[in-house]
């Protein structure tokens, strides 16, 4: 099985725990890297700051990105990802509690590949993340990086 890494950008401890549990349950992700704010997400993606030593070729095949984050919002992270050749093609799933039409439209305008509202029920949340993981990690064909 090829190495498949996922980047999870989430600042809510409960959502983080449920997401990690769901991804572990489906057993399709080799590794989940977690950052808790928008600035750390960009540092990770662009291999700078605390992530300067990260091998750029070992990047995520998908990013699960919350909208409401400290420091920089998920929308700001998405905008910077799409404006840089190094991260433009990485699939981004907005996984958020926001159901505001403005956030949905802006996410797609900025280049999100998918927008998923987090279910409030923990069981439904876990199931939604499991389905996301199955699709993005097994079925989706990611772009080759570094080309």
C-alpha atoms as a PDB file:
ATOM      1  CA  UNK A   1       0.000   0.000   0.000  1.00  0.00           C
ATOM      2  CA  UNK A   2       1.316   3.421  -0.905  1.00  0.00           C
ATOM      3  CA  UNK A   3       2.114   5.927   1.833  1.00  0.00           C
ATOM      4  CA  UNK A   4      -0.907   8.155   2.398  1.00  0.00           C
ATOM      5  CA  UNK A   5      -0.690  11.061   4.789  1.00  0.00           C
ATOM      6  CA  UNK A   6      -3.515  13.358   5.820  1.00  0.00           C
ATOM      7  CA  UNK A   7      -3.196  16.830   7.338  1.00  0.00           C
ATOM      8  CA  UNK A   8      -5.886  17.654   9.876  1.00  0.00           C
ATOM      9  CA  UNK A   9      -6.236  21.324  10.824  1.00  0.00           C
ATOM     10  CA  UNK A  10      -8.509  21.409  13.865  1.00  0.00           C
ATOM     11  CA  UNK A  11      -8.493  23.433  17.095  1.00  0.00           C
ATOM     12  CA  UNK A  12     -11.445  21.797  18.895  1.00  0.00           C
ATOM     13  CA  UNK A  13     -10.225  18.976  21.171  1.00  0.00           C
ATOM     14  CA  UNK A  14     -13.440  16.931  20.962  1.00  0.00           C
ATOM     15  CA  UNK A  15     -13.660  17.177  17.156  1.00  0.00           C
ATOM     16  CA  UNK A  16      -9.986  16.277  16.940  1.00  0.00           C
ATOM     17  CA  UNK A  17     -10.475  13.189  19.102  1.00  0.00           C
ATOM     18  CA  UNK A  18     -13.541  12.047  17.122  1.00  0.00           C
ATOM     19  CA  UNK A  19     -11.818  12.637  13.782  1.00  0.00           C
ATOM     20  CA  UNK A  20      -8.714  10.691  14.772  1.00  0.00           C
ATOM     21  CA  UNK A  21     -10.859   7.844  16.109  1.00  0.00           C
ATOM     22  CA  UNK A  22     -12.839   7.651  12.860  1.00  0.00           C
ATOM     23  CA  UNK A  23      -9.696   7.682  10.703  1.00  0.00           C
ATOM     24  CA  UNK A  24      -8.094   4.979  12.833  1.00  0.00           C
ATOM     25  CA  UNK A  25     -11.230   2.854  12.577  1.00  0.00           C
ATOM     26  CA  UNK A  26     -11.200   2.773   8.764  1.00  0.00           C
ATOM     27  CA  UNK A  27      -7.464   2.024   8.694  1.00  0.00           C
ATOM     28  CA  UNK A  28      -6.689   3.702   5.350  1.00  0.00           C
ATOM     29  CA  UNK A  29      -4.374   6.457   6.521  1.00  0.00           C
ATOM     30  CA  UNK A  30      -0.730   5.688   7.197  1.00  0.00           C
ATOM     31  CA  UNK A  31      -0.240   8.903   9.112  1.00  0.00           C
ATOM     32  CA  UNK A  32      -2.291  11.875  10.312  1.00  0.00           C
ATOM     33  CA  UNK A  33      -0.421  15.078  11.008  1.00  0.00           C
ATOM     34  CA  UNK A  34      -2.327  17.549  13.175  1.00  0.00           C
ATOM     35  CA  UNK A  35      -1.956  21.296  13.576  1.00  0.00           C
ATOM     36  CA  UNK A  36      -4.232  23.498  15.692  1.00  0.00           C
ATOM     37  CA  UNK A  37      -4.276  26.858  13.916  1.00  0.00           C
ATOM     38  CA  UNK A  38      -4.103  28.438  10.481  1.00  0.00           C
ATOM     39  CA  UNK A  39      -0.571  29.788  10.831  1.00  0.00           C
ATOM     40  CA  UNK A  40       0.741  26.352  11.843  1.00  0.00           C
ATOM     41  CA  UNK A  41      -1.064  24.831   8.842  1.00  0.00           C
ATOM     42  CA  UNK A  42       0.798  27.131   6.464  1.00  0.00           C
ATOM     43  CA  UNK A  43       4.102  26.482   8.254  1.00  0.00           C
ATOM     44  CA  UNK A  44       3.484  22.747   7.819  1.00  0.00           C
ATOM     45  CA  UNK A  45       2.482  23.003   4.160  1.00  0.00           C
ATOM     46  CA  UNK A  46       5.355  25.303   3.218  1.00  0.00           C
ATOM     47  CA  UNK A  47       7.955  23.567   5.444  1.00  0.00           C
ATOM     48  CA  UNK A  48       8.844  26.585   7.547  1.00  0.00           C
ATOM     49  CA  UNK A  49       8.930  27.509  11.225  1.00  0.00           C
ATOM     50  CA  UNK A  50       8.433  24.422  13.418  1.00  0.00           C
ATOM     51  CA  UNK A  51       8.055  22.349  10.243  1.00  0.00           C
ATOM     52  CA  UNK A  52      11.188  23.561   8.439  1.00  0.00           C
ATOM     53  CA  UNK A  53      12.708  20.067   8.665  1.00  0.00           C
ATOM     54  CA  UNK A  54       9.683  18.329   7.097  1.00  0.00           C
ATOM     55  CA  UNK A  55      10.404  16.678   3.751  1.00  0.00           C
ATOM     56  CA  UNK A  56       8.287  18.585   1.230  1.00  0.00           C
ATOM     57  CA  UNK A  57       7.875  15.450  -0.912  1.00  0.00           C
ATOM     58  CA  UNK A  58       6.210  13.716   2.046  1.00  0.00           C
ATOM     59  CA  UNK A  59       3.157  15.946   2.012  1.00  0.00           C
ATOM     60  CA  UNK A  60      -0.480  15.119   2.603  1.00  0.00           C
ATOM     61  CA  UNK A  61      -2.724  13.635  -0.089  1.00  0.00           C
ATOM     62  CA  UNK A  62      -5.620  15.609   1.424  1.00  0.00           C
ATOM     63  CA  UNK A  63      -6.134  18.392   3.961  1.00  0.00           C
ATOM     64  CA  UNK A  64      -9.143  18.412   6.303  1.00  0.00           C
ATOM     65  CA  UNK A  65      -9.488  22.087   7.161  1.00  0.00           C
ATOM     66  CA  UNK A  66     -11.741  23.767   9.711  1.00  0.00           C
ATOM     67  CA  UNK A  67     -12.908  27.318   8.904  1.00  0.00           C
ATOM     68  CA  UNK A  68     -12.912  28.771  12.425  1.00  0.00           C
ATOM     69  CA  UNK A  69      -9.270  28.608  13.503  1.00  0.00           C
ATOM     70  CA  UNK A  70      -6.986  30.745  15.684  1.00  0.00           C
ATOM     71  CA  UNK A  71      -4.414  33.057  14.043  1.00  0.00           C
ATOM     72  CA  UNK A  72      -5.573  32.537  10.426  1.00  0.00           C
ATOM     73  CA  UNK A  73      -8.958  31.226   9.341  1.00  0.00           C
ATOM     74  CA  UNK A  74      -9.318  28.106   7.247  1.00  0.00           C
ATOM     75  CA  UNK A  75     -10.449  30.329   4.374  1.00  0.00           C
ATOM     76  CA  UNK A  76      -7.201  32.317   4.597  1.00  0.00           C
ATOM     77  CA  UNK A  77      -5.208  29.058   4.640  1.00  0.00           C
ATOM     78  CA  UNK A  78      -7.130  27.801   1.608  1.00  0.00           C
ATOM     79  CA  UNK A  79      -6.562  31.062  -0.258  1.00  0.00           C
ATOM     80  CA  UNK A  80      -2.801  30.897   0.343  1.00  0.00           C
ATOM     81  CA  UNK A  81      -2.691  27.214  -0.632  1.00  0.00           C
ATOM     82  CA  UNK A  82      -4.428  27.898  -3.942  1.00  0.00           C
ATOM     83  CA  UNK A  83      -2.214  30.888  -4.736  1.00  0.00           C
ATOM     84  CA  UNK A  84       1.019  28.871  -4.456  1.00  0.00           C
ATOM     85  CA  UNK A  85       2.142  26.376  -7.085  1.00  0.00           C
ATOM     86  CA  UNK A  86       3.534  24.015  -4.420  1.00  0.00           C
ATOM     87  CA  UNK A  87       0.147  23.486  -2.725  1.00  0.00           C
ATOM     88  CA  UNK A  88      -2.380  24.472  -5.404  1.00  0.00           C
ATOM     89  CA  UNK A  89      -3.379  20.903  -6.314  1.00  0.00           C
ATOM     90  CA  UNK A  90      -3.581  19.351  -2.835  1.00  0.00           C
ATOM     91  CA  UNK A  91      -7.230  18.405  -2.271  1.00  0.00           C
ATOM     92  CA  UNK A  92      -8.832  20.401   0.540  1.00  0.00           C
ATOM     93  CA  UNK A  93     -11.980  19.367   2.387  1.00  0.00           C
ATOM     94  CA  UNK A  94     -13.552  22.071   4.501  1.00  0.00           C
ATOM     95  CA  UNK A  95     -14.738  20.160   7.580  1.00  0.00           C
ATOM     96  CA  UNK A  96     -16.529  22.732   9.678  1.00  0.00           C
ATOM     97  CA  UNK A  97     -19.456  23.470  11.932  1.00  0.00           C
ATOM     98  CA  UNK A  98     -20.391  26.517   9.832  1.00  0.00           C
ATOM     99  CA  UNK A  99     -23.480  26.173   7.680  1.00  0.00           C
ATOM    100  CA  UNK A 100     -23.430  29.829   6.634  1.00  0.00           C
ATOM    101  CA  UNK A 101     -24.066  30.117   2.909  1.00  0.00           C
ATOM    102  CA  UNK A 102     -21.343  32.780   2.692  1.00  0.00           C
ATOM    103  CA  UNK A 103     -18.716  30.349   4.054  1.00  0.00           C
ATOM    104  CA  UNK A 104     -19.830  27.608   1.658  1.00  0.00           C
ATOM    105  CA  UNK A 105     -19.702  29.893  -1.397  1.00  0.00           C
ATOM    106  CA  UNK A 106     -16.398  31.455  -0.390  1.00  0.00           C
ATOM    107  CA  UNK A 107     -14.840  28.029   0.232  1.00  0.00           C
ATOM    108  CA  UNK A 108     -15.695  26.906  -3.293  1.00  0.00           C
ATOM    109  CA  UNK A 109     -14.710  30.273  -4.780  1.00  0.00           C
ATOM    110  CA  UNK A 110     -11.292  29.876  -3.141  1.00  0.00           C
ATOM    111  CA  UNK A 111     -10.855  26.372  -4.523  1.00  0.00           C
ATOM    112  CA  UNK A 112     -12.097  23.926  -1.891  1.00  0.00           C
ATOM    113  CA  UNK A 113     -12.664  20.427  -3.281  1.00  0.00           C
ATOM    114  CA  UNK A 114     -15.443  19.661  -0.824  1.00  0.00           C
ATOM    115  CA  UNK A 115     -17.431  21.284   1.980  1.00  0.00           C
ATOM    116  CA  UNK A 116     -18.725  19.088   4.783  1.00  0.00           C
ATOM    117  CA  UNK A 117     -20.680  20.382   7.751  1.00  0.00           C
ATOM    118  CA  UNK A 118     -19.731  18.594  10.971  1.00  0.00           C
ATOM    119  CA  UNK A 119     -22.744  16.726  12.356  1.00  0.00           C
ATOM    120  CA  UNK A 120     -23.483  17.657  15.973  1.00  0.00           C
ATOM    121  CA  UNK A 121     -24.123  14.065  17.044  1.00  0.00           C
ATOM    122  CA  UNK A 122     -20.779  12.364  17.889  1.00  0.00           C
ATOM    123  CA  UNK A 123     -21.809   9.083  16.228  1.00  0.00           C
ATOM    124  CA  UNK A 124     -22.879  10.860  13.032  1.00  0.00           C
ATOM    125  CA  UNK A 125     -19.692  12.947  13.140  1.00  0.00           C
ATOM    126  CA  UNK A 126     -17.528   9.827  13.384  1.00  0.00           C
ATOM    127  CA  UNK A 127     -19.412   8.183  10.515  1.00  0.00           C
ATOM    128  CA  UNK A 128     -19.101  11.291   8.309  1.00  0.00           C
ATOM    129  CA  UNK A 129     -15.329  11.437   8.882  1.00  0.00           C
ATOM    130  CA  UNK A 130     -15.003   7.708   8.199  1.00  0.00           C
ATOM    131  CA  UNK A 131     -16.801   8.158   4.869  1.00  0.00           C
ATOM    132  CA  UNK A 132     -14.627  11.167   4.026  1.00  0.00           C
ATOM    133  CA  UNK A 133     -11.508   9.187   4.839  1.00  0.00           C
ATOM    134  CA  UNK A 134     -12.595   6.247   2.707  1.00  0.00           C
ATOM    135  CA  UNK A 135     -13.286   8.478  -0.279  1.00  0.00           C
ATOM    136  CA  UNK A 136     -10.272  10.786  -0.124  1.00  0.00           C
ATOM    137  CA  UNK A 137      -7.736   8.171   0.949  1.00  0.00           C
ATOM    138  CA  UNK A 138      -8.883   5.172  -1.129  1.00  0.00           C
ATOM    139  CA  UNK A 139     -11.048   6.252  -4.042  1.00  0.00           C
ATOM    140  CA  UNK A 140      -9.766   9.697  -4.971  1.00  0.00           C
ATOM    141  CA  UNK A 141      -6.756   9.765  -7.301  1.00  0.00           C
ATOM    142  CA  UNK A 142      -4.459  12.504  -5.956  1.00  0.00           C
ATOM    143  CA  UNK A 143      -2.249  14.596  -8.234  1.00  0.00           C
ATOM    144  CA  UNK A 144       1.415  13.671  -8.354  1.00  0.00           C
ATOM    145  CA  UNK A 145       3.382  16.109  -6.213  1.00  0.00           C
ATOM    146  CA  UNK A 146       6.524  17.890  -7.281  1.00  0.00           C
ATOM    147  CA  UNK A 147       5.588  18.107 -10.962  1.00  0.00           C
END
